[in-house]
Amino acid sequence: MGLVAAEAPVSSVCAALVAAYAAVRAQSGSICAPLAVEDYVIQSMADVSPPKWHLAHTTWFFENFLLQPFVPGYEPFHPRYGYLFNSYYETVGRFFPRQQRGALARPTVEEIYRYRDHVDREMRDLLATAPAACWDEVAARVTLALNHEQQHQELLVTDIKHIFAWNPLRPAYRERREAPAAAAGRPQGWREQSAGVYEIGHEGGDFAFDNESPRHRVFLNAFRIADRPVTNGEYLAFMESGGYRNPAHWLSQGWQTVREHGWQAPLYWERTEGAWRTMTLSGMRPVDALEPVCHVSYFEADAYARWAGRRLPTEAEWEIAARNGAVEGNFLDSGRLHPAPADDTGAPTQFFGDVWEWTQSSYSPYPGYQPAAGSLGV
């Protein structure tokens, strides 16, 4: 029988946070469920982390930033896990080197799952008994930690795909679940946006990372933005026109990268018996001309835009264009795990889900940005 301390916050907010904690933590386990134990330890390149590391790192976050500060006398599950699974001190060298994460046979996968179970039990107790005086800070940190773990869930799927694609056997992470798309496709349309002064940045209320603030004004000239992402078929036309052989389309650093690495197509595309195929989480399949093109670099996206007589949007333009659309799309929880063709309704679509979209803006702070007080390392 579970007991709740008298001073514990009993509210719908608390109940919602407990439910969110259970759901997010279970999702990480669900993502890893199709893996064999050997898959958990592979690091296919320096920027890819083994699935085992993601599971441990997100668990360490809860332990380090919640259990140790708020549970009197709490002792870490293992005294060296903070060194192995902390990425906070990457810039000063006080962590296990990122590029060597795949060299760790121990702790075992079984031990990592025991670590997760231990921290989950302790977190359930903390959420049930946290004194009212510190509840707001606990709730804020749990919310941050859950969003942090959801970021790593996206990384998990991304890294698992690279791990499987790196294998010459091209194994499938899981069987394909969705039926082949039946959409007939649609011509690319354009959405008009008038010139004016607009506000972008987080408005407050729901959770946001500190780099999404502050709210500020920007002036934009009138522009048009495509009503759906570029498709594989459209990108293939760029390739077949000699796009990867013509330096006129490329930024100088991009052209240098193309020549150094021998790029001829997006990552995961392979030409077999005269046809293009691509690696997916369900194994190799023919490139679908109607699906949004994905796994292209900034250089490739910019080169395609130049070839097409267009340009990439700025960050502010993209935010203004996307802000009135419904936040719905093909996300992780859809189970598809692959971009889907745009629907044929003609309405602007796919601002959310399916693919990340490049802008021409650098990743720099908004005017007036300040790190959140008490910022935590992630």
Protein backbone atom coordinates (compact mmCIF):
# COMPACT_ATOMS: atom_id res chain seq x y z
CA MET A 1 0.00 0.00 0.00
CA GLY A 2 1.47 3.37 -1.00
CA LEU A 3 1.44 6.24 1.47
CA VAL A 4 1.43 9.95 0.68
CA ALA A 5 2.92 12.45 3.10
CA ALA A 6 0.51 15.02 4.46
CA GLU A 7 2.45 17.89 2.95
CA ALA A 8 2.65 16.33 -0.52
CA PRO A 9 0.92 18.32 -3.29
CA VAL A 10 -2.34 16.57 -4.13
CA SER A 11 -3.60 18.15 -7.32
CA SER A 12 -4.42 17.49 -10.92
CA VAL A 13 -1.03 18.99 -11.81
CA CYS A 14 0.75 16.43 -9.65
CA ALA A 15 -1.31 13.56 -11.06
CA ALA A 16 -0.65 14.72 -14.62
CA LEU A 17 3.09 14.93 -13.94
CA VAL A 18 3.14 11.42 -12.47
CA ALA A 19 1.31 10.09 -15.53
CA ALA A 20 3.63 11.96 -17.90
CA TYR A 21 6.67 10.57 -16.10
CA ALA A 22 5.43 7.01 -16.46
CA ALA A 23 4.51 7.47 -20.13
CA VAL A 24 7.78 9.08 -21.21
CA ARG A 25 9.97 6.58 -19.38
CA ALA A 26 7.96 3.69 -20.83
CA GLN A 27 8.34 5.12 -24.33
CA SER A 28 12.13 4.87 -24.13
CA GLY A 29 11.83 1.21 -23.24
CA SER A 30 9.35 0.67 -26.05
CA ILE A 31 11.74 2.19 -28.59
CA CYS A 32 14.47 -0.21 -27.49
CA ALA A 33 12.22 -3.27 -27.28
CA PRO A 34 12.99 -4.52 -30.84
CA LEU A 35 16.74 -4.43 -30.21
CA ALA A 36 18.94 -7.45 -29.59
CA VAL A 37 21.39 -7.05 -26.74
CA GLU A 38 24.24 -6.65 -29.25
CA ASP A 39 22.50 -3.64 -30.81
CA TYR A 40 22.59 -1.65 -27.56
CA VAL A 41 26.37 -1.22 -27.54
CA ILE A 42 27.14 -0.27 -31.17
CA GLN A 43 28.55 3.18 -31.94
CA SER A 44 28.67 3.47 -35.73
CA MET A 45 30.37 6.90 -35.74
CA ALA A 46 31.57 9.49 -33.24
CA ASP A 47 28.31 11.48 -33.39
CA VAL A 48 26.18 8.38 -32.76
CA SER A 49 25.69 7.17 -29.19
CA PRO A 50 24.88 3.54 -28.36
CA PRO A 51 21.26 3.00 -27.30
CA LYS A 52 22.53 1.82 -23.92
CA TRP A 53 24.13 5.22 -23.35
CA HIS A 54 20.91 7.12 -24.11
CA LEU A 55 18.99 4.98 -21.61
CA ALA A 56 21.60 5.58 -18.92
CA HIS A 57 22.16 9.28 -19.61
CA THR A 58 18.48 10.21 -19.35
CA THR A 59 18.28 8.23 -16.11
CA TRP A 60 21.37 9.96 -14.73
CA PHE A 61 19.65 13.30 -15.42
CA PHE A 62 16.80 12.45 -13.03
CA GLU A 63 19.21 11.08 -10.46
CA ASN A 64 21.60 14.02 -10.58
CA PHE A 65 19.16 16.94 -10.81
CA LEU A 66 16.22 15.60 -8.79
CA LEU A 67 17.02 12.70 -6.51
CA GLN A 68 20.32 13.97 -5.14
CA PRO A 69 19.11 17.52 -4.43
CA PHE A 70 15.66 16.66 -3.08
CA VAL A 71 15.93 13.25 -1.39
CA PRO A 72 17.81 13.56 1.90
CA GLY A 73 20.67 11.08 2.13
CA TYR A 74 20.24 9.79 -1.40
CA GLU A 75 23.26 7.84 -2.62
CA PRO A 76 23.88 7.44 -6.38
CA PHE A 77 23.13 4.00 -7.79
CA HIS A 78 26.80 3.75 -8.79
CA PRO A 79 29.49 6.29 -7.86
CA ARG A 80 31.01 6.34 -11.38
CA TYR A 81 27.84 6.58 -13.45
CA GLY A 82 28.02 10.36 -13.26
CA TYR A 83 31.36 10.20 -15.08
CA LEU A 84 30.20 7.67 -17.68
CA PHE A 85 26.79 9.12 -18.48
CA ASN A 86 27.13 12.87 -17.92
CA SER A 87 27.47 15.02 -21.03
CA TYR A 88 27.46 18.34 -19.15
CA TYR A 89 31.22 18.71 -18.92
CA GLU A 90 32.05 17.84 -22.52
CA THR A 91 33.83 21.14 -23.08
CA VAL A 92 36.14 20.80 -20.10
CA GLY A 93 36.97 17.12 -20.43
CA ARG A 94 35.47 15.83 -17.18
CA PHE A 95 33.42 13.08 -18.74
CA PHE A 96 33.95 9.79 -20.51
CA PRO A 97 34.90 10.67 -24.12
CA ARG A 98 31.91 10.72 -26.46
CA GLN A 99 33.73 8.92 -29.26
CA GLN A 100 34.50 5.99 -26.94
CA ARG A 101 30.99 5.28 -25.68
CA GLY A 102 30.72 2.22 -27.91
CA ALA A 103 33.83 0.70 -26.30
CA LEU A 104 32.05 0.12 -22.99
CA ALA A 105 30.96 -3.50 -22.56
CA ARG A 106 30.14 -2.74 -18.93
CA PRO A 107 27.83 -1.78 -17.36
CA THR A 108 25.75 -4.36 -19.15
CA VAL A 109 22.37 -3.68 -20.72
CA GLU A 110 20.77 -5.60 -17.85
CA GLU A 111 22.53 -3.37 -15.34
CA ILE A 112 21.34 -0.24 -17.14
CA TYR A 113 17.76 -1.42 -16.96
CA ARG A 114 18.22 -2.11 -13.23
CA TYR A 115 19.50 1.45 -12.94
CA ARG A 116 16.41 2.77 -14.68
CA ASP A 117 14.11 0.70 -12.46
CA HIS A 118 15.88 1.96 -9.34
CA VAL A 119 15.62 5.62 -10.34
CA ASP A 120 11.98 5.17 -11.39
CA ARG A 121 11.11 3.81 -7.96
CA GLU A 122 12.90 6.67 -6.25
CA MET A 123 11.25 9.22 -8.53
CA ARG A 124 7.79 7.84 -7.81
CA ASP A 125 8.49 8.24 -4.11
CA LEU A 126 9.77 11.78 -4.60
CA LEU A 127 6.71 12.81 -6.59
CA ALA A 128 4.45 11.34 -3.91
CA THR A 129 6.22 12.91 -0.93
CA ALA A 130 7.88 16.13 -2.09
CA PRO A 131 7.21 18.89 0.46
CA ALA A 132 4.97 21.69 -0.74
CA ALA A 133 7.80 24.17 -0.17
CA CYS A 134 9.92 22.68 -2.94
CA TRP A 135 7.18 21.28 -5.17
CA ASP A 136 7.32 24.05 -7.77
CA GLU A 137 11.04 23.49 -8.33
CA VAL A 138 10.63 19.71 -8.40
CA ALA A 139 7.80 20.00 -10.94
CA ALA A 140 9.82 22.38 -13.12
CA ARG A 141 12.83 20.06 -13.12
CA VAL A 142 10.74 16.96 -13.85
CA THR A 143 9.11 18.75 -16.77
CA LEU A 144 12.54 19.72 -18.10
CA ALA A 145 13.86 16.19 -17.58
CA LEU A 146 10.91 14.65 -19.44
CA ASN A 147 11.40 16.98 -22.40
CA HIS A 148 15.10 16.12 -22.29
CA GLU A 149 14.29 12.41 -22.43
CA GLN A 150 11.93 12.97 -25.33
CA GLN A 151 14.78 14.69 -27.18
CA HIS A 152 16.86 11.58 -26.59
CA GLN A 153 14.04 9.37 -27.84
CA GLU A 154 14.32 11.15 -31.17
CA LEU A 155 18.08 10.65 -30.99
CA LEU A 156 17.54 6.99 -30.16
CA VAL A 157 15.53 6.45 -33.34
CA THR A 158 18.05 8.47 -35.36
CA ASP A 159 21.05 6.59 -33.97
CA ILE A 160 19.40 3.17 -34.28
CA LYS A 161 18.80 3.88 -37.96
CA HIS A 162 22.47 4.77 -38.49
CA ILE A 163 23.62 1.69 -36.55
CA PHE A 164 21.49 -0.61 -38.72
CA ALA A 165 22.42 1.18 -41.95
CA TRP A 166 26.11 0.86 -41.10
CA ASN A 167 25.73 -2.92 -41.12
CA PRO A 168 26.31 -4.34 -44.65
CA LEU A 169 23.42 -6.75 -44.08
CA ARG A 170 21.06 -3.75 -43.82
CA PRO A 171 18.96 -5.40 -41.11
CA ALA A 172 15.51 -4.08 -40.23
CA TYR A 173 14.89 -2.54 -36.82
CA ARG A 174 11.33 -3.79 -37.13
CA GLU A 175 8.92 -4.84 -39.82
CA ARG A 176 7.16 -2.16 -41.86
CA ARG A 177 3.80 -1.44 -40.25
CA GLU A 178 2.19 1.15 -42.47
CA ALA A 179 0.69 0.32 -45.84
CA PRO A 180 2.32 1.88 -48.92
CA ALA A 181 1.00 5.39 -49.52
CA ALA A 182 -1.95 5.63 -51.86
CA ALA A 183 -1.79 9.41 -52.36
CA ALA A 184 -1.53 10.59 -55.94
CA GLY A 185 0.69 13.51 -54.97
CA ARG A 186 0.05 17.15 -55.62
CA PRO A 187 1.88 20.02 -57.27
CA GLN A 188 3.81 22.31 -54.98
CA GLY A 189 1.80 25.39 -54.07
CA TRP A 190 2.79 28.62 -52.35
CA ARG A 191 1.54 30.34 -49.23
CA GLU A 192 1.60 34.16 -49.29
CA GLN A 193 2.76 36.16 -46.28
CA SER A 194 2.48 39.96 -46.23
CA ALA A 195 5.22 42.29 -45.06
CA GLY A 196 5.03 43.57 -41.53
CA VAL A 197 6.30 43.52 -37.98
CA TYR A 198 5.73 40.20 -36.26
CA GLU A 199 6.45 38.72 -32.86
CA ILE A 200 8.25 35.40 -32.50
CA GLY A 201 9.63 33.45 -29.56
CA HIS A 202 8.00 31.73 -26.62
CA GLU A 203 4.94 33.51 -25.24
CA GLY A 204 4.94 31.84 -21.85
CA GLY A 205 2.60 29.30 -20.32
CA ASP A 206 3.57 25.89 -21.62
CA PHE A 207 7.06 24.46 -21.33
CA ALA A 208 9.81 25.80 -23.57
CA PHE A 209 13.59 25.59 -23.52
CA ASP A 210 15.27 28.87 -22.63
CA ASN A 211 16.70 29.30 -26.15
CA GLU A 212 13.13 29.68 -27.43
CA SER A 213 12.93 33.05 -25.65
CA PRO A 214 12.58 35.97 -25.33
CA ARG A 215 9.54 37.07 -27.28
CA HIS A 216 10.67 39.79 -29.68
CA ARG A 217 9.66 41.68 -32.80
CA VAL A 218 11.02 41.14 -36.31
CA PHE A 219 10.30 42.91 -39.57
CA LEU A 220 9.72 40.71 -42.59
CA ASN A 221 9.34 41.63 -46.22
CA ALA A 222 6.52 39.91 -48.09
CA PHE A 223 7.40 36.34 -49.04
CA ARG A 224 5.94 33.08 -50.30
CA ILE A 225 6.69 29.72 -48.74
CA ALA A 226 6.01 26.28 -50.19
CA ASP A 227 2.90 24.58 -48.83
CA ARG A 228 4.65 21.23 -48.38
CA PRO A 229 8.24 19.95 -48.12
CA VAL A 230 10.35 19.08 -51.17
CA THR A 231 9.72 15.49 -52.27
CA ASN A 232 12.12 12.72 -53.19
CA GLY A 233 10.94 12.99 -56.79
CA GLU A 234 11.70 16.70 -56.94
CA TYR A 235 15.11 16.19 -55.39
CA LEU A 236 15.81 13.34 -57.81
CA ALA A 237 15.26 15.79 -60.68
CA PHE A 238 18.02 17.96 -59.19
CA MET A 239 20.31 14.92 -59.03
CA GLU A 240 19.55 13.82 -62.59
CA SER A 241 20.23 17.31 -63.91
CA GLY A 242 23.80 17.06 -62.61
CA GLY A 243 23.18 18.88 -59.34
CA TYR A 244 26.03 17.11 -57.56
CA ARG A 245 28.41 17.87 -60.44
CA ASN A 246 27.76 21.58 -60.90
CA PRO A 247 29.56 23.90 -58.46
CA ALA A 248 27.34 26.81 -59.47
CA HIS A 249 24.60 25.56 -57.13
CA TRP A 250 26.79 25.14 -54.06
CA LEU A 251 28.23 27.26 -51.31
CA SER A 252 32.03 27.02 -51.46
CA GLN A 253 32.28 24.93 -48.30
CA GLY A 254 29.45 22.74 -49.54
CA TRP A 255 31.16 22.10 -52.86
CA GLN A 256 34.38 21.25 -51.02
CA THR A 257 32.43 18.77 -48.87
CA VAL A 258 30.80 17.19 -51.94
CA ARG A 259 34.21 16.62 -53.52
CA GLU A 260 35.92 15.40 -50.35
CA HIS A 261 33.21 12.87 -49.48
CA GLY A 262 32.04 11.94 -52.96
CA TRP A 263 28.41 12.85 -52.31
CA GLN A 264 26.02 11.82 -55.09
CA ALA A 265 22.71 11.45 -53.24
CA PRO A 266 21.13 11.94 -49.80
CA LEU A 267 22.39 9.88 -46.90
CA TYR A 268 21.03 6.30 -46.96
CA TRP A 269 20.27 6.32 -50.71
CA GLU A 270 21.87 3.54 -52.77
CA ARG A 271 21.62 2.92 -56.50
CA THR A 272 20.93 -0.76 -57.23
CA GLU A 273 20.21 -2.22 -60.67
CA GLY A 274 19.47 1.20 -62.09
CA ALA A 275 17.04 2.28 -59.35
CA TRP A 276 17.43 4.26 -56.15
CA ARG A 277 16.71 2.54 -52.85
CA THR A 278 16.91 3.95 -49.35
CA MET A 279 17.58 2.52 -45.91
CA THR A 280 14.70 2.85 -43.47
CA LEU A 281 14.06 1.49 -40.02
CA SER A 282 12.23 -1.39 -41.73
CA GLY A 283 15.18 -2.11 -44.01
CA MET A 284 15.90 -1.19 -47.62
CA ARG A 285 13.01 -0.08 -49.82
CA PRO A 286 12.60 1.74 -53.15
CA VAL A 287 12.70 5.53 -52.91
CA ASP A 288 9.10 6.80 -52.92
CA ALA A 289 8.94 9.88 -55.16
CA LEU A 290 6.03 11.37 -53.16
CA GLU A 291 7.64 11.26 -49.72
CA PRO A 292 9.47 14.31 -48.34
CA VAL A 293 13.19 14.09 -48.99
CA CYS A 294 15.12 13.60 -45.76
CA HIS A 295 18.71 13.13 -44.54
CA VAL A 296 20.04 15.98 -46.66
CA SER A 297 22.60 18.39 -45.22
CA TYR A 298 22.25 22.15 -45.10
CA PHE A 299 24.57 22.34 -48.09
CA GLU A 300 22.37 19.99 -50.11
CA ALA A 301 19.17 21.80 -49.15
CA ASP A 302 20.69 25.14 -50.11
CA ALA A 303 22.03 23.77 -53.41
CA TYR A 304 18.63 22.33 -54.32
CA ALA A 305 16.93 25.67 -53.55
CA ARG A 306 19.40 27.54 -55.79
CA TRP A 307 18.93 25.00 -58.59
CA ALA A 308 15.15 25.41 -58.31
CA GLY A 309 15.44 29.21 -58.47
CA ARG A 310 14.32 29.58 -54.87
CA ARG A 311 15.96 30.04 -51.49
CA LEU A 312 15.68 28.59 -48.00
CA PRO A 313 13.44 30.58 -45.62
CA THR A 314 14.83 32.44 -42.66
CA GLU A 315 14.02 31.14 -39.19
CA ALA A 316 11.61 34.03 -38.61
CA GLU A 317 9.83 33.44 -41.92
CA TRP A 318 9.40 29.76 -41.14
CA GLU A 319 8.05 30.48 -37.64
CA ILE A 320 5.52 33.01 -38.92
CA ALA A 321 4.38 30.67 -41.69
CA ALA A 322 3.99 27.75 -39.30
CA ARG A 323 2.40 29.49 -36.34
CA ASN A 324 -1.23 29.30 -37.49
CA GLY A 325 -1.14 25.64 -38.45
CA ALA A 326 -2.46 22.88 -36.23
CA VAL A 327 0.31 21.10 -34.32
CA GLU A 328 -0.39 17.73 -35.87
CA GLY A 329 1.49 15.40 -38.13
CA ASN A 330 3.48 12.21 -38.43
CA PHE A 331 5.30 12.10 -35.08
CA LEU A 332 7.13 9.33 -33.24
CA ASP A 333 3.98 8.07 -31.54
CA SER A 334 2.32 7.46 -34.92
CA GLY A 335 4.52 4.38 -35.22
CA ARG A 336 5.33 5.00 -38.89
CA LEU A 337 8.95 6.04 -38.23
CA HIS A 338 9.31 7.35 -41.79
CA PRO A 339 8.13 10.49 -43.63
CA ALA A 340 4.74 10.23 -45.32
CA PRO A 341 3.57 11.86 -48.57
CA ALA A 342 1.61 15.09 -48.23
CA ASP A 343 -2.15 14.74 -48.34
CA ASP A 344 -4.04 15.93 -51.39
CA THR A 345 -6.29 18.49 -49.66
CA GLY A 346 -4.24 21.39 -51.01
CA ALA A 347 -3.96 23.01 -47.56
CA PRO A 348 -0.50 23.91 -46.21
CA THR A 349 0.75 20.78 -44.50
CA GLN A 350 3.66 19.06 -42.79
CA PHE A 351 4.99 22.05 -40.90
CA PHE A 352 5.07 19.61 -37.98
CA GLY A 353 6.20 16.01 -37.98
CA ASP A 354 7.80 13.98 -40.77
CA VAL A 355 11.06 15.91 -41.25
CA TRP A 356 13.19 18.64 -39.76
CA GLU A 357 13.35 21.60 -42.13
CA TRP A 358 16.41 23.69 -42.94
CA THR A 359 16.40 27.49 -42.78
CA GLN A 360 19.17 29.81 -43.92
CA SER A 361 19.53 31.36 -40.45
CA SER A 362 22.45 30.59 -38.19
CA TYR A 363 21.76 29.00 -34.82
CA SER A 364 22.26 32.14 -32.76
CA PRO A 365 20.44 33.54 -29.71
CA TYR A 366 17.35 35.69 -30.01
CA PRO A 367 17.93 39.37 -29.16
CA GLY A 368 18.01 39.76 -25.39
CA TYR A 369 18.52 36.06 -24.70
CA GLN A 370 19.67 35.14 -21.21
CA PRO A 371 20.23 31.59 -19.94
CA ALA A 372 17.49 30.52 -17.57
CA ALA A 373 18.34 31.08 -13.92
CA GLY A 374 19.79 27.91 -12.49
CA SER A 375 20.23 26.33 -15.90
CA LEU A 376 20.92 22.62 -15.72
CA GLY A 377 23.44 20.74 -17.85
CA VAL A 378 21.89 18.27 -20.28
